[in-house]
Protein backbone atom coordinates (compact mmCIF):
# COMPACT_ATOMS: atom_id res chain seq x y z
CA MET A 1 -29.53 0.18 23.79
CA ASP A 2 -31.47 -2.54 21.99
CA MET A 3 -29.88 -5.24 19.85
CA ALA A 4 -31.00 -3.67 16.53
CA ASN A 5 -29.19 -0.41 17.32
CA THR A 6 -26.08 -2.25 18.48
CA ARG A 7 -26.08 -4.37 15.34
CA GLY A 8 -26.59 -1.29 13.14
CA THR A 9 -23.78 0.57 14.84
CA ARG A 10 -21.42 -2.38 14.42
CA ALA A 11 -22.47 -2.76 10.77
CA HIS A 12 -21.82 0.92 10.09
CA LYS A 13 -18.42 0.79 11.81
CA GLN A 14 -17.47 -2.23 9.70
CA TYR A 15 -18.71 -0.43 6.58
CA LEU A 16 -16.61 2.64 7.36
CA PHE A 17 -13.52 0.53 8.07
CA ARG A 18 -13.96 -1.53 4.89
CA THR A 19 -14.63 1.53 2.75
CA PHE A 20 -11.58 3.31 4.16
CA ALA A 21 -9.39 0.26 3.57
CA PHE A 22 -10.54 -0.26 -0.02
CA MET A 23 -10.39 3.42 -0.90
CA ALA A 24 -6.91 3.75 0.63
CA GLY A 25 -5.69 1.12 -1.83
CA TYR A 26 -7.58 2.77 -4.68
CA THR A 27 -6.09 6.15 -3.83
CA ALA A 28 -2.55 4.79 -3.42
CA VAL A 29 -2.55 3.12 -6.84
CA ASN A 30 -4.03 6.18 -8.56
CA VAL A 31 -1.64 8.61 -6.87
CA ALA A 32 1.28 6.40 -7.88
CA ALA A 33 -0.04 6.39 -11.46
CA ILE A 34 -0.47 10.17 -11.47
CA PHE A 35 3.16 10.58 -10.39
CA GLY A 36 4.40 8.27 -13.14
CA ALA A 37 5.07 5.02 -11.28
CA PHE A 38 3.50 3.01 -14.10
CA ASP A 39 4.46 5.07 -17.14
CA ASP A 40 6.55 2.37 -18.84
CA ILE A 41 4.64 -0.81 -18.02
CA GLY A 42 3.43 -1.54 -21.54
CA ARG A 43 0.06 -2.74 -22.76
CA ALA A 44 -0.12 -5.94 -20.70
CA GLY A 45 0.99 -4.07 -17.59
CA GLY A 46 -1.57 -1.36 -18.27
CA LEU A 47 -4.33 -3.93 -18.60
CA ALA A 48 -3.23 -5.54 -15.35
CA LEU A 49 -3.07 -2.13 -13.67
CA GLY A 50 -6.64 -1.48 -14.80
CA LEU A 51 -7.75 -4.64 -13.02
CA VAL A 52 -5.71 -3.78 -9.92
CA VAL A 53 -7.27 -0.33 -9.59
CA ALA A 54 -10.76 -1.75 -10.24
CA ALA A 55 -10.43 -4.34 -7.46
CA PRO A 56 -10.89 -1.83 -4.59
CA VAL A 57 -13.97 -0.46 -6.36
CA ALA A 58 -15.47 -3.96 -6.37
CA GLY A 59 -14.43 -4.30 -2.72
CA GLN A 60 -16.14 -1.06 -1.75
CA LEU A 61 -19.33 -2.11 -3.51
CA TRP A 62 -19.12 -5.41 -1.59
CA ALA A 63 -18.74 -3.37 1.63
CA THR A 64 -21.99 -1.57 0.81
CA LEU A 65 -23.79 -4.85 0.14
CA ALA A 66 -22.34 -6.26 3.38
CA LEU A 67 -23.70 -3.19 5.22
CA MET A 68 -27.14 -3.97 3.87
CA ASN A 69 -26.82 -7.63 4.84
CA ASP A 70 -25.60 -6.85 8.37
CA SER A 71 -28.11 -4.07 9.13
CA ASP A 72 -31.63 -4.28 10.48
CA GLU A 73 -34.45 -4.68 7.97
CA PHE A 74 -35.31 -0.95 7.84
CA VAL A 75 -31.75 0.18 7.10
CA ARG A 76 -31.38 -2.71 4.65
CA ALA A 77 -34.55 -1.77 2.77
CA VAL A 78 -33.86 1.97 2.62
CA THR A 79 -30.22 1.47 1.60
CA ALA A 80 -31.23 -1.08 -1.05
CA LYS A 81 -33.87 1.28 -2.44
CA ARG A 82 -31.33 4.11 -2.64
CA PHE A 83 -28.77 1.75 -4.23
CA ILE A 84 -31.24 0.58 -6.88
CA VAL A 85 -32.51 4.07 -7.75
CA ALA A 86 -28.95 5.48 -7.89
CA SER A 87 -27.84 2.58 -10.10
CA GLY A 88 -30.74 3.13 -12.46
CA LEU A 89 -30.10 6.85 -12.72
CA ALA A 90 -26.37 6.35 -13.28
CA MET A 91 -27.00 3.73 -15.98
CA ALA A 92 -29.62 5.92 -17.67
CA LEU A 93 -27.28 8.93 -17.70
CA ALA A 94 -24.30 6.86 -18.90
CA THR A 95 -26.42 5.28 -21.64
CA ALA A 96 -27.76 8.66 -22.75
CA TRP A 97 -24.22 10.06 -22.90
CA GLY A 98 -23.04 6.99 -24.84
CA PHE A 99 -25.76 7.51 -27.43
CA MET A 100 -24.88 11.22 -27.62
CA GLU A 101 -21.26 10.18 -28.28
CA THR A 102 -22.39 7.75 -30.99
CA TYR A 103 -24.99 9.88 -32.71
CA GLY A 104 -24.18 13.46 -31.74
CA ASP A 105 -20.38 13.54 -31.65
CA ALA A 106 -20.39 14.40 -27.92
CA PRO A 107 -16.93 14.22 -26.36
CA HIS A 108 -15.84 10.80 -25.10
CA ILE A 109 -16.06 10.17 -21.36
CA PRO A 110 -14.16 7.23 -19.80
CA ALA A 111 -16.37 4.36 -18.68
CA TRP A 112 -14.85 4.33 -15.17
CA LEU A 113 -16.72 7.54 -14.44
CA ILE A 114 -19.85 5.42 -13.88
CA TYR A 115 -18.55 4.70 -10.37
CA PRO A 116 -18.35 8.32 -9.15
CA LEU A 117 -21.57 9.02 -11.08
CA PHE A 118 -23.30 6.23 -9.15
CA TRP A 119 -22.17 7.67 -5.81
CA ALA A 120 -23.19 11.17 -6.90
CA MET A 121 -26.66 9.80 -7.72
CA PHE A 122 -26.71 7.94 -4.39
CA GLY A 123 -25.99 11.20 -2.59
CA LEU A 124 -28.60 13.00 -4.65
CA VAL A 125 -31.41 10.52 -3.96
CA THR A 126 -30.60 9.88 -0.28
CA PRO A 127 -32.44 12.93 1.13
CA PHE A 128 -35.53 12.01 -0.88
CA ILE A 129 -35.64 8.27 -0.13
CA ARG A 130 -36.32 8.03 3.58
CA THR A 131 -38.71 5.09 3.73
CA SER A 132 -38.72 1.56 2.42
CA ARG A 133 -41.98 2.08 0.53
């Protein structure tokens, strides 16, 4: 096995470990919230909880960027291209929905849904973006 494949394998294993670790924390806090662990924490506590639950999201995005940094140039380029296209699509859809809320009385959608929307767009574009060009 050449060094590029070894490095890519190690980078992907680290990515999977980091993603699992961050999403375990994310899931734990949200499950606790769903079952009422934070029902009486007040406004300041709720604001702090929002930051706590957002931290693993930032960590998982860092894990993706670290994957790109630690991978060979082909994987880096293809992953970056997918990341950029998915980000653009998610922002365009979120912006369109925001304008529909403002001007068309569309139902409100929480802003945190941009994160799962981004990953949905990433999954959608992945089969179509297979080269770095």
